């Protein structure tokens, strides 16, 4: 059996924590950061800026058609969008750069997704959010254009709905 000194074990443990730090605390992280100023193009060809979401509560969901958790959570995202859209919430689903555009288009059409969908053709959108390395990753944006929550993996939708309710109840600045 390999014997390591106490100091060596501490260094290895610290290295493991540092290596895992993107995942630890990533679920439900409450870091307030500004929405990146990046352009995106929706599947319909319309061009926008992420900062256009400022003034609205928004969900930005990074996903892929090859991600089973993404596919599983999509009906919940649709239900969340339907529940809050009339109160001013915006939903933007961003397909990852490795997702074939034809697959994304077919997925969106077959499931009749009711919200905005873009493809991150060059990876700049994912990089601008921190970077996004795993799907699904969902960001909650307040009306001031600040990222108030990041979920890596499928969110707890009951908690997400409570957060959206809270953000929608805040006065418009």
Protein backbone atom coordinates (compact mmCIF):
# COMPACT_ATOMS: atom_id res chain seq x y z
CA UNK A 1 0.00 0.00 0.00
CA UNK A 2 1.28 3.44 -0.89
CA UNK A 3 1.96 5.58 2.16
CA UNK A 4 1.73 9.32 1.79
CA UNK A 5 2.75 11.95 4.25
CA UNK A 6 0.04 14.07 5.85
CA UNK A 7 1.26 17.08 3.86
CA UNK A 8 1.15 15.13 0.57
CA UNK A 9 -2.40 13.96 1.32
CA UNK A 10 -3.43 17.57 2.05
CA UNK A 11 -1.92 18.77 -1.22
CA UNK A 12 -3.65 15.98 -3.16
CA UNK A 13 -6.97 16.70 -1.44
CA UNK A 14 -6.66 20.41 -2.15
CA UNK A 15 -5.78 19.65 -5.78
CA UNK A 16 -8.89 17.50 -6.08
CA UNK A 17 -11.08 20.26 -4.67
CA UNK A 18 -9.53 22.83 -7.01
CA UNK A 19 -9.96 20.48 -9.97
CA UNK A 20 -13.58 19.89 -9.04
CA UNK A 21 -14.32 23.52 -8.17
CA UNK A 22 -16.15 24.21 -11.46
CA UNK A 23 -18.66 21.55 -10.39
CA UNK A 24 -18.70 22.18 -6.65
CA UNK A 25 -20.95 25.11 -5.94
CA UNK A 26 -21.87 25.37 -9.60
CA UNK A 27 -25.32 23.99 -8.94
CA UNK A 28 -27.35 26.85 -7.62
CA UNK A 29 -24.44 29.27 -7.59
CA UNK A 30 -25.51 32.77 -6.58
CA UNK A 31 -22.76 34.80 -8.22
CA UNK A 32 -24.02 38.15 -9.43
CA UNK A 33 -22.42 38.93 -12.73
CA UNK A 34 -23.55 41.05 -15.63
CA UNK A 35 -25.12 39.53 -18.70
CA UNK A 36 -22.41 39.33 -21.37
CA UNK A 37 -22.72 41.75 -24.29
CA UNK A 38 -22.78 39.18 -27.07
CA UNK A 39 -24.79 38.82 -30.28
CA UNK A 40 -26.89 35.78 -31.07
CA UNK A 41 -29.00 34.67 -34.00
CA UNK A 42 -32.24 32.82 -33.47
CA UNK A 43 -33.21 29.88 -35.65
CA UNK A 44 -35.54 32.17 -37.61
CA UNK A 45 -32.51 34.28 -38.60
CA UNK A 46 -33.31 37.29 -36.41
CA UNK A 47 -30.27 38.88 -34.78
CA UNK A 48 -30.18 40.09 -31.20
CA UNK A 49 -27.87 40.97 -28.31
CA UNK A 50 -27.97 39.17 -24.97
CA UNK A 51 -28.23 42.58 -23.36
CA UNK A 52 -31.62 42.96 -25.10
CA UNK A 53 -32.91 40.73 -22.27
CA UNK A 54 -32.19 43.50 -19.76
CA UNK A 55 -35.42 44.81 -18.27
CA UNK A 56 -36.95 41.33 -18.19
CA UNK A 57 -36.50 38.32 -15.98
CA UNK A 58 -34.93 35.69 -18.20
CA UNK A 59 -33.86 32.07 -18.31
CA UNK A 60 -30.93 31.25 -20.57
CA UNK A 61 -30.62 27.49 -20.99
CA UNK A 62 -27.59 25.88 -22.66
CA UNK A 63 -28.52 22.47 -24.02
CA UNK A 64 -27.85 19.90 -26.73
CA UNK A 65 -30.01 17.44 -28.62
CA UNK A 66 -27.52 14.69 -27.66
CA UNK A 67 -27.90 15.43 -23.93
CA UNK A 68 -30.44 13.08 -22.36
CA UNK A 69 -30.94 15.32 -19.32
CA UNK A 70 -31.56 18.29 -21.63
CA UNK A 71 -34.20 16.36 -23.55
CA UNK A 72 -35.76 15.15 -20.29
CA UNK A 73 -35.97 18.66 -18.78
CA UNK A 74 -37.29 20.37 -21.92
CA UNK A 75 -41.00 19.79 -21.10
CA UNK A 76 -40.39 21.41 -17.69
CA UNK A 77 -38.70 24.38 -19.36
CA UNK A 78 -41.69 24.70 -21.68
CA UNK A 79 -44.08 24.57 -18.70
CA UNK A 80 -41.98 27.15 -16.84
CA UNK A 81 -42.01 29.43 -19.87
CA UNK A 82 -45.79 29.06 -20.27
CA UNK A 83 -46.34 29.73 -16.58
CA UNK A 84 -44.35 32.99 -16.43
CA UNK A 85 -44.25 34.46 -19.96
CA UNK A 86 -47.35 36.63 -19.45
CA UNK A 87 -45.70 38.17 -16.40
CA UNK A 88 -42.68 39.26 -18.43
CA UNK A 89 -40.26 36.34 -18.27
CA UNK A 90 -38.20 35.58 -21.36
CA UNK A 91 -36.70 32.18 -22.19
CA UNK A 92 -33.74 31.66 -24.50
CA UNK A 93 -32.54 28.12 -25.25
CA UNK A 94 -29.00 28.08 -26.65
CA UNK A 95 -27.91 24.92 -28.45
CA UNK A 96 -24.22 24.17 -28.01
CA UNK A 97 -21.80 24.71 -30.89
CA UNK A 98 -21.26 20.97 -31.44
CA UNK A 99 -24.98 20.35 -31.97
CA UNK A 100 -25.79 19.94 -35.69
CA UNK A 101 -28.14 22.76 -36.78
CA UNK A 102 -30.44 20.31 -38.57
CA UNK A 103 -30.88 18.33 -35.34
CA UNK A 104 -31.67 21.49 -33.39
CA UNK A 105 -34.20 22.66 -35.97
CA UNK A 106 -35.89 19.26 -36.07
CA UNK A 107 -36.02 19.09 -32.25
CA UNK A 108 -37.52 22.59 -31.96
CA UNK A 109 -40.12 21.89 -34.65
CA UNK A 110 -41.12 18.42 -33.43
CA UNK A 111 -41.57 19.64 -29.85
CA UNK A 112 -43.04 23.00 -30.85
CA UNK A 113 -40.79 24.89 -28.45
CA UNK A 114 -42.60 28.16 -27.64
CA UNK A 115 -39.54 30.22 -26.74
CA UNK A 116 -36.52 31.70 -28.47
CA UNK A 117 -33.87 29.25 -29.65
CA UNK A 118 -30.35 30.07 -30.85
CA UNK A 119 -27.33 28.00 -31.79
CA UNK A 120 -23.95 28.96 -30.34
CA UNK A 121 -22.16 28.43 -33.67
CA UNK A 122 -18.72 29.52 -32.48
CA UNK A 123 -18.86 28.88 -28.72
CA UNK A 124 -18.74 32.58 -27.79
CA UNK A 125 -22.07 32.50 -25.93
CA UNK A 126 -20.98 29.55 -23.76
CA UNK A 127 -17.60 31.21 -23.16
CA UNK A 128 -19.29 34.48 -22.20
CA UNK A 129 -21.22 32.78 -19.42
CA UNK A 130 -18.23 31.55 -17.57
CA UNK A 131 -17.67 29.21 -19.66
CA UNK A 132 -20.47 26.67 -19.93
CA UNK A 133 -18.86 23.23 -20.02
CA UNK A 134 -21.77 20.92 -19.22
CA UNK A 135 -25.33 20.62 -20.44
CA UNK A 136 -27.83 21.46 -19.36
CA UNK A 137 -26.72 24.68 -17.70
CA UNK A 138 -29.39 27.26 -16.94
CA UNK A 139 -28.88 30.88 -15.91
CA UNK A 140 -31.50 33.05 -14.22
CA UNK A 141 -31.21 36.73 -15.09
CA UNK A 142 -32.89 39.56 -13.18
CA UNK A 143 -34.30 42.73 -14.74
CA UNK A 144 -31.02 44.58 -14.15
CA UNK A 145 -29.28 42.12 -16.47
CA UNK A 146 -27.49 40.32 -13.65
CA UNK A 147 -27.01 36.57 -13.48
CA UNK A 148 -28.51 35.68 -10.10
CA UNK A 149 -28.44 31.89 -10.30
CA UNK A 150 -26.70 29.16 -12.28
CA UNK A 151 -27.91 25.58 -12.37
CA UNK A 152 -25.66 22.86 -13.75
CA UNK A 153 -27.83 19.88 -14.53
CA UNK A 154 -31.58 19.77 -14.25
CA UNK A 155 -32.81 22.44 -11.81
CA UNK A 156 -35.14 21.88 -8.92
CA UNK A 157 -38.09 23.37 -10.78
CA UNK A 158 -40.10 24.16 -7.63
CA UNK A 159 -37.19 26.24 -6.29
CA UNK A 160 -36.66 27.78 -9.73
CA UNK A 161 -40.32 28.83 -9.87
CA UNK A 162 -40.04 30.42 -6.42
CA UNK A 163 -36.99 32.38 -7.57
CA UNK A 164 -38.73 33.54 -10.75
CA UNK A 165 -41.80 34.59 -8.73
CA UNK A 166 -39.54 36.61 -6.43
CA UNK A 167 -37.69 38.28 -9.30
CA UNK A 168 -40.91 39.10 -11.16
CA UNK A 169 -42.31 40.69 -7.99
CA UNK A 170 -39.35 43.07 -7.69
CA UNK A 171 -40.08 46.61 -8.88
CA UNK A 172 -38.84 47.50 -12.34
CA UNK A 173 -35.85 49.82 -11.96
